[in-house]
Amino acid sequence: MATPIKEWSKLEVRAVVRFLFSKGTKPSEIHKQIAETYGEGAMSRSRVYQWCTWFGEGRTSLGDEPKSGRPKTSTNEENTTRVDELIRCDRRMKIREIALKLEIPKSTVHEIVHDTLGYRKVSARWVPKMLTEDHKLQRVEISLRLLQRCQQDNGDEDTTQFGVGPGGDFQANNSLFDNLITGDETWCINAARYCSTLDRLKEAIRRKRPGLLRRGVVLQHYNATPHSANLTQQWLQRYGWEILPHPAHSSDLALSDFHLFGPLKRHLGGMAFETEDDLISELRNWFDNLDVDFFRVGINSLLSR
């Protein structure tokens, strides 16, 4: 059996229904082929029959007909821009959170995100459904440059001690999770907050691994708005930190996204916490139980990605 197509639009599926119907294919067979090709959720059996009826009556349009009642105005250019800005600021925002923030219906946000902006989730982040040829070429070029650099360094870079403190033991509680930043569902990190986080990181490196500051810090972060803002760029230039290039819309190449957050999310799944302190305590316990090999495996897996 062929692997179902994962990326499709409702207009594409409707076009396939019209094509098969015009060939004389029965609605039941059309639904079977749609399910096999696009997956069970592409179009329900009743919906296939409905579209076959419409096409049989002479309908040619694949789009949705205007609904009666109050005109639909929330899916407009202004709201599309506002939704896009929120996603670019925090690509982990949920549909519900965006709707609450902008005070527009969830159904409208869903339509804007999936149909107008064409986003889908990769490593729990919103990214465009289809990368452009330029994006694909950039991804290949950057990956090759990083692989060549890794081969040239041949171990010269200090990349073997992850979160190791002065005593030689892994110190997750003090190195990776010193600061928990929380906020309500409308909260969004900005450049100022990110620079404040970098300040704390710089101080932690100075205390624990001063030699790294002298040799020069090499930082990997994806190109989200807070990371690429002028304020952040000025901070990085001031301290001479090198930023590894990161291809656009490639959160699957960000270590925290593909290696850290997934296991953490699975660990917390099904848990309920009375207070924020209880949540923080559980998070600290989880980080405390991680060993250095967990992070070594994640960093080394960048090579295969």
Protein backbone atom coordinates (compact mmCIF):
# COMPACT_ATOMS: atom_id res chain seq x y z
CA MET A 1 0.00 0.00 0.00
CA ALA A 2 1.32 3.43 -0.94
CA THR A 3 2.34 5.87 1.79
CA PRO A 4 -0.36 8.58 2.25
CA ILE A 5 0.51 12.09 1.13
CA LYS A 6 1.11 14.16 4.27
CA GLU A 7 1.03 17.64 2.79
CA TRP A 8 -2.14 18.57 0.95
CA SER A 9 -4.79 21.26 0.78
CA LYS A 10 -8.55 20.88 0.77
CA LEU A 11 -8.69 22.40 -2.72
CA GLU A 12 -6.32 19.70 -3.98
CA VAL A 13 -8.51 16.94 -2.53
CA ARG A 14 -11.65 18.50 -4.01
CA ALA A 15 -9.95 18.68 -7.41
CA VAL A 16 -9.18 14.96 -7.20
CA VAL A 17 -12.82 14.24 -6.33
CA ARG A 18 -13.98 16.24 -9.37
CA PHE A 19 -11.48 14.46 -11.63
CA LEU A 20 -12.50 10.98 -10.50
CA PHE A 21 -16.20 11.88 -10.61
CA SER A 22 -15.82 13.15 -14.18
CA LYS A 23 -14.31 9.76 -15.07
CA GLY A 24 -17.44 8.03 -13.82
CA THR A 25 -15.93 6.71 -10.59
CA LYS A 26 -18.53 5.95 -7.91
CA PRO A 27 -18.48 8.14 -4.75
CA SER A 28 -17.72 5.11 -2.55
CA GLU A 29 -14.67 4.28 -4.65
CA ILE A 30 -13.61 7.95 -4.70
CA HIS A 31 -13.69 8.03 -0.89
CA LYS A 32 -11.63 4.84 -0.75
CA GLN A 33 -8.97 6.26 -3.08
CA ILE A 34 -8.89 9.59 -1.22
CA ALA A 35 -8.39 7.80 2.11
CA GLU A 36 -5.62 5.62 0.67
CA THR A 37 -3.81 8.54 -0.95
CA TYR A 38 -4.29 11.38 1.53
CA GLY A 39 -5.25 9.61 4.76
CA GLU A 40 -8.55 8.96 6.50
CA GLY A 41 -8.92 12.55 7.67
CA ALA A 42 -8.69 14.17 4.23
CA MET A 43 -12.42 14.02 3.46
CA SER A 44 -15.24 12.10 5.10
CA ARG A 45 -17.44 9.70 3.17
CA SER A 46 -20.49 11.97 3.48
CA ARG A 47 -18.47 14.95 2.29
CA VAL A 48 -17.30 13.04 -0.79
CA TYR A 49 -20.93 12.25 -1.63
CA GLN A 50 -21.86 15.92 -1.11
CA TRP A 51 -19.17 17.16 -3.49
CA CYS A 52 -20.10 14.54 -6.08
CA THR A 53 -23.69 15.80 -5.90
CA TRP A 54 -22.55 19.39 -6.39
CA PHE A 55 -20.32 18.49 -9.33
CA GLY A 56 -23.18 16.49 -10.83
CA GLU A 57 -25.37 19.61 -10.59
CA GLY A 58 -22.83 21.56 -12.60
CA ARG A 59 -20.70 23.20 -9.92
CA THR A 60 -17.18 24.11 -11.09
CA SER A 61 -15.79 26.08 -8.15
CA LEU A 62 -13.59 24.24 -5.64
CA GLY A 63 -13.68 27.01 -3.06
CA ASP A 64 -16.13 27.45 -0.20
CA GLU A 65 -19.33 29.29 -1.00
CA PRO A 66 -19.97 32.54 0.94
CA LYS A 67 -21.98 31.81 4.06
CA SER A 68 -25.26 33.52 4.78
CA GLY A 69 -25.68 35.90 7.70
CA ARG A 70 -23.12 38.38 9.00
CA PRO A 71 -20.25 38.88 6.55
CA LYS A 72 -17.01 37.18 7.52
CA THR A 73 -14.52 39.96 8.23
CA SER A 74 -12.08 38.48 10.73
CA THR A 75 -10.04 36.67 8.06
CA ASN A 76 -8.56 39.83 6.61
CA GLU A 77 -5.14 41.22 5.84
CA GLU A 78 -4.82 42.95 9.22
CA ASN A 79 -5.56 39.81 11.24
CA THR A 80 -3.39 37.72 8.94
CA THR A 81 -0.48 40.08 9.61
CA ARG A 82 -1.12 40.02 13.38
CA VAL A 83 -1.25 36.21 13.45
CA ASP A 84 1.94 35.97 11.38
CA GLU A 85 3.76 38.38 13.70
CA LEU A 86 2.78 36.34 16.77
CA ILE A 87 3.94 33.09 15.18
CA ARG A 88 7.24 34.62 14.12
CA CYS A 89 7.73 35.84 17.69
CA ASP A 90 6.87 32.47 19.25
CA ARG A 91 6.52 29.54 16.87
CA ARG A 92 5.27 27.35 19.71
CA MET A 93 2.04 29.29 20.24
CA LYS A 94 -1.11 27.21 19.99
CA ILE A 95 -4.18 28.12 17.94
CA ARG A 96 -6.11 28.68 21.16
CA GLU A 97 -3.47 31.03 22.55
CA ILE A 98 -3.37 33.09 19.36
CA ALA A 99 -7.17 33.36 19.36
CA LEU A 100 -7.20 34.57 22.97
CA LYS A 101 -4.40 37.05 22.35
CA LEU A 102 -6.01 38.61 19.26
CA GLU A 103 -9.63 38.11 20.39
CA ILE A 104 -10.71 36.42 17.17
CA PRO A 105 -12.39 32.99 16.72
CA LYS A 106 -10.27 29.85 16.83
CA SER A 107 -11.74 28.77 13.50
CA THR A 108 -10.50 32.00 11.93
CA VAL A 109 -7.01 31.55 13.39
CA HIS A 110 -6.95 27.96 12.13
CA GLU A 111 -7.89 29.11 8.62
CA ILE A 112 -5.28 31.89 8.63
CA VAL A 113 -2.51 29.63 9.94
CA HIS A 114 -3.16 26.62 7.71
CA ASP A 115 -4.77 28.03 4.56
CA THR A 116 -3.64 31.66 4.25
CA LEU A 117 -0.14 31.48 5.76
CA GLY A 118 0.38 27.81 4.92
CA TYR A 119 2.04 26.78 8.20
CA ARG A 120 2.40 23.29 9.64
CA LYS A 121 4.06 21.94 12.78
CA VAL A 122 7.64 20.63 12.71
CA SER A 123 9.24 19.78 16.07
CA ALA A 124 6.27 21.57 17.69
CA ARG A 125 6.94 24.78 15.75
CA TRP A 126 4.97 26.45 12.99
CA VAL A 127 6.86 26.41 9.69
CA PRO A 128 5.71 26.87 6.07
CA LYS A 129 4.20 23.70 4.61
CA MET A 130 6.35 23.89 1.51
CA LEU A 131 9.91 25.22 1.59
CA THR A 132 10.90 27.28 -1.43
CA GLU A 133 13.77 26.17 -3.65
CA ASP A 134 15.89 28.94 -2.09
CA HIS A 135 15.13 27.59 1.39
CA LYS A 136 16.05 24.05 0.34
CA LEU A 137 19.29 25.22 -1.29
CA GLN A 138 20.18 27.28 1.78
CA ARG A 139 19.57 24.27 4.02
CA VAL A 140 21.89 22.08 1.94
CA GLU A 141 24.62 24.74 1.71
CA ILE A 142 24.61 25.50 5.44
CA SER A 143 24.58 21.80 6.36
CA LEU A 144 27.57 21.14 4.10
CA ARG A 145 29.48 24.10 5.58
CA LEU A 146 28.88 22.87 9.12
CA LEU A 147 29.88 19.30 8.23
CA GLN A 148 33.09 20.54 6.61
CA ARG A 149 33.83 22.68 9.63
CA CYS A 150 33.31 19.72 11.94
CA GLN A 151 35.75 17.63 9.90
CA GLN A 152 38.34 20.43 9.79
CA ASP A 153 38.15 21.12 13.52
CA ASN A 154 38.81 17.43 14.18
CA GLY A 155 38.27 17.83 17.88
CA ASP A 156 40.09 21.15 18.32
CA GLU A 157 36.91 22.84 19.48
CA ASP A 158 35.95 22.25 23.10
CA THR A 159 32.79 20.27 22.40
CA THR A 160 33.15 17.31 24.71
CA GLN A 161 32.27 18.78 28.11
CA PHE A 162 28.56 19.46 28.24
CA GLY A 163 27.38 21.12 31.44
CA VAL A 164 30.35 19.87 33.45
CA GLY A 165 31.06 21.88 36.56
CA PRO A 166 34.30 22.50 38.45
CA GLY A 167 33.94 19.27 40.39
CA GLY A 168 33.70 17.18 37.25
CA ASP A 169 30.11 16.06 37.81
CA PHE A 170 27.15 16.94 35.65
CA GLN A 171 25.29 19.83 37.24
CA ALA A 172 21.96 20.13 35.46
CA ASN A 173 20.33 22.06 38.29
CA ASN A 174 22.96 24.79 38.23
CA SER A 175 23.92 24.96 34.58
CA LEU A 176 20.91 24.30 32.38
CA PHE A 177 18.00 25.19 34.59
CA ASP A 178 19.12 28.07 36.78
CA ASN A 179 16.26 30.24 35.60
CA LEU A 180 12.73 29.22 34.78
CA ILE A 181 10.92 31.89 32.79
CA THR A 182 7.16 31.58 32.97
CA GLY A 183 4.34 33.65 31.61
CA ASP A 184 0.66 33.55 30.83
CA GLU A 185 -0.61 32.25 27.52
CA THR A 186 -0.22 35.68 25.88
CA TRP A 187 3.41 36.06 26.96
CA CYS A 188 6.05 36.19 24.25
CA ILE A 189 9.82 36.44 24.61
CA ASN A 190 11.46 39.45 22.98
CA ALA A 191 15.00 40.61 22.24
CA ALA A 192 15.44 42.30 25.63
CA ARG A 193 14.52 39.11 27.49
CA TYR A 194 16.76 37.06 25.25
CA CYS A 195 19.73 39.38 25.84
CA SER A 196 19.07 39.09 29.57
CA THR A 197 19.25 35.30 29.20
CA LEU A 198 22.54 35.64 27.31
CA ASP A 199 23.88 37.81 30.14
CA ARG A 200 23.14 35.02 32.61
CA LEU A 201 24.68 32.44 30.28
CA LYS A 202 27.83 34.53 29.91
CA GLU A 203 28.16 34.86 33.68
CA ALA A 204 27.68 31.10 34.14
CA ILE A 205 30.40 30.39 31.56
CA ARG A 206 32.73 32.88 33.27
CA ARG A 207 32.29 31.10 36.61
CA LYS A 208 32.44 27.52 35.42
CA ARG A 209 34.53 27.51 32.24
CA PRO A 210 36.48 30.77 31.94
CA GLY A 211 38.77 29.33 29.29
CA LEU A 212 35.83 29.07 26.91
CA LEU A 213 35.24 32.83 27.06
CA ARG A 214 38.88 33.46 26.18
CA ARG A 215 38.85 31.04 23.25
CA GLY A 216 35.51 32.33 22.00
CA VAL A 217 31.95 31.10 22.37
CA VAL A 218 30.24 29.43 19.41
CA LEU A 219 26.46 29.63 19.78
CA GLN A 220 23.80 27.71 17.92
CA HIS A 221 20.31 29.15 17.90
CA TYR A 222 17.61 29.19 15.27
CA ASN A 223 16.69 32.44 13.52
CA ALA A 224 13.60 33.46 15.49
CA THR A 225 12.77 37.16 15.76
CA PRO A 226 14.31 37.65 19.25
CA HIS A 227 17.53 35.99 18.04
CA SER A 228 17.89 38.04 14.87
CA ALA A 229 16.81 41.40 16.32
CA ASN A 230 19.26 44.33 16.19
CA LEU A 231 19.52 44.41 19.99
CA THR A 232 20.59 40.75 20.08
CA GLN A 233 23.02 41.17 17.19
CA GLN A 234 24.64 44.13 18.96
CA TRP A 235 25.03 42.06 22.14
CA LEU A 236 26.68 39.19 20.25
CA GLN A 237 29.03 41.53 18.38
CA ARG A 238 30.00 43.32 21.58
CA TYR A 239 31.22 40.10 23.20
CA GLY A 240 32.53 38.50 20.01
CA TRP A 241 30.34 35.41 20.13
CA GLU A 242 30.19 33.44 16.89
CA ILE A 243 26.77 32.32 15.65
CA LEU A 244 26.54 29.15 13.63
CA PRO A 245 24.43 29.66 10.50
CA HIS A 246 20.95 28.18 10.73
CA PRO A 247 18.70 27.61 7.68
CA ALA A 248 15.28 29.23 7.67
CA HIS A 249 12.29 27.21 8.90
CA SER A 250 14.49 24.35 10.16
CA SER A 251 13.55 23.88 13.80
CA ASP A 252 14.30 20.18 13.27
CA LEU A 253 17.98 21.22 13.28
CA ALA A 254 17.70 22.99 16.64
CA LEU A 255 19.02 20.75 19.42
CA SER A 256 16.48 21.78 22.05
CA ASP A 257 13.58 21.18 19.66
CA PHE A 258 14.45 17.74 18.33
CA HIS A 259 16.22 16.29 21.37
CA LEU A 260 15.26 18.04 24.62
CA PHE A 261 11.65 19.21 24.52
CA GLY A 262 10.20 15.93 23.24
CA PRO A 263 11.43 13.77 26.14
CA LEU A 264 10.50 16.52 28.59
CA LYS A 265 6.99 16.74 27.17
CA ARG A 266 6.55 12.97 27.37
CA HIS A 267 7.79 12.98 30.97
CA LEU A 268 5.26 15.63 32.00
CA GLY A 269 2.39 14.04 30.06
CA GLY A 270 -0.56 13.24 32.29
CA MET A 271 0.84 15.05 35.34
CA ALA A 272 -1.14 17.69 37.22
CA PHE A 273 0.42 20.33 39.47
CA GLU A 274 -1.24 22.28 42.26
CA THR A 275 1.17 25.20 42.11
CA GLU A 276 3.88 26.63 39.89
CA ASP A 277 6.44 25.64 42.53
CA ASP A 278 5.38 21.99 42.17
CA LEU A 279 5.95 22.22 38.42
CA ILE A 280 9.36 23.83 38.89
CA SER A 281 10.32 21.14 41.39
CA GLU A 282 9.38 18.36 38.97
CA LEU A 283 11.30 20.04 36.15
CA ARG A 284 14.39 20.37 38.32
CA ASN A 285 14.16 16.72 39.32
CA TRP A 286 13.94 15.70 35.67
CA PHE A 287 17.00 17.76 34.73
CA ASP A 288 18.90 16.50 37.78
CA ASN A 289 18.43 12.90 36.61
CA LEU A 290 19.87 13.55 33.15
CA ASP A 291 23.47 12.55 32.63
CA VAL A 292 26.05 14.01 30.30
CA ASP A 293 25.47 11.26 27.71
CA PHE A 294 21.96 12.56 27.06
CA PHE A 295 23.37 15.84 25.78
CA ARG A 296 26.33 14.20 24.05
CA VAL A 297 23.95 12.02 22.02
CA GLY A 298 21.86 15.05 21.07
CA ILE A 299 24.82 17.14 19.93
CA ASN A 300 26.39 14.26 18.02
CA SER A 301 23.07 13.56 16.26
CA LEU A 302 23.36 16.95 14.56
CA LEU A 303 25.85 15.31 12.20
CA SER A 304 23.26 12.88 10.86
CA ARG A 305 20.66 15.61 10.53
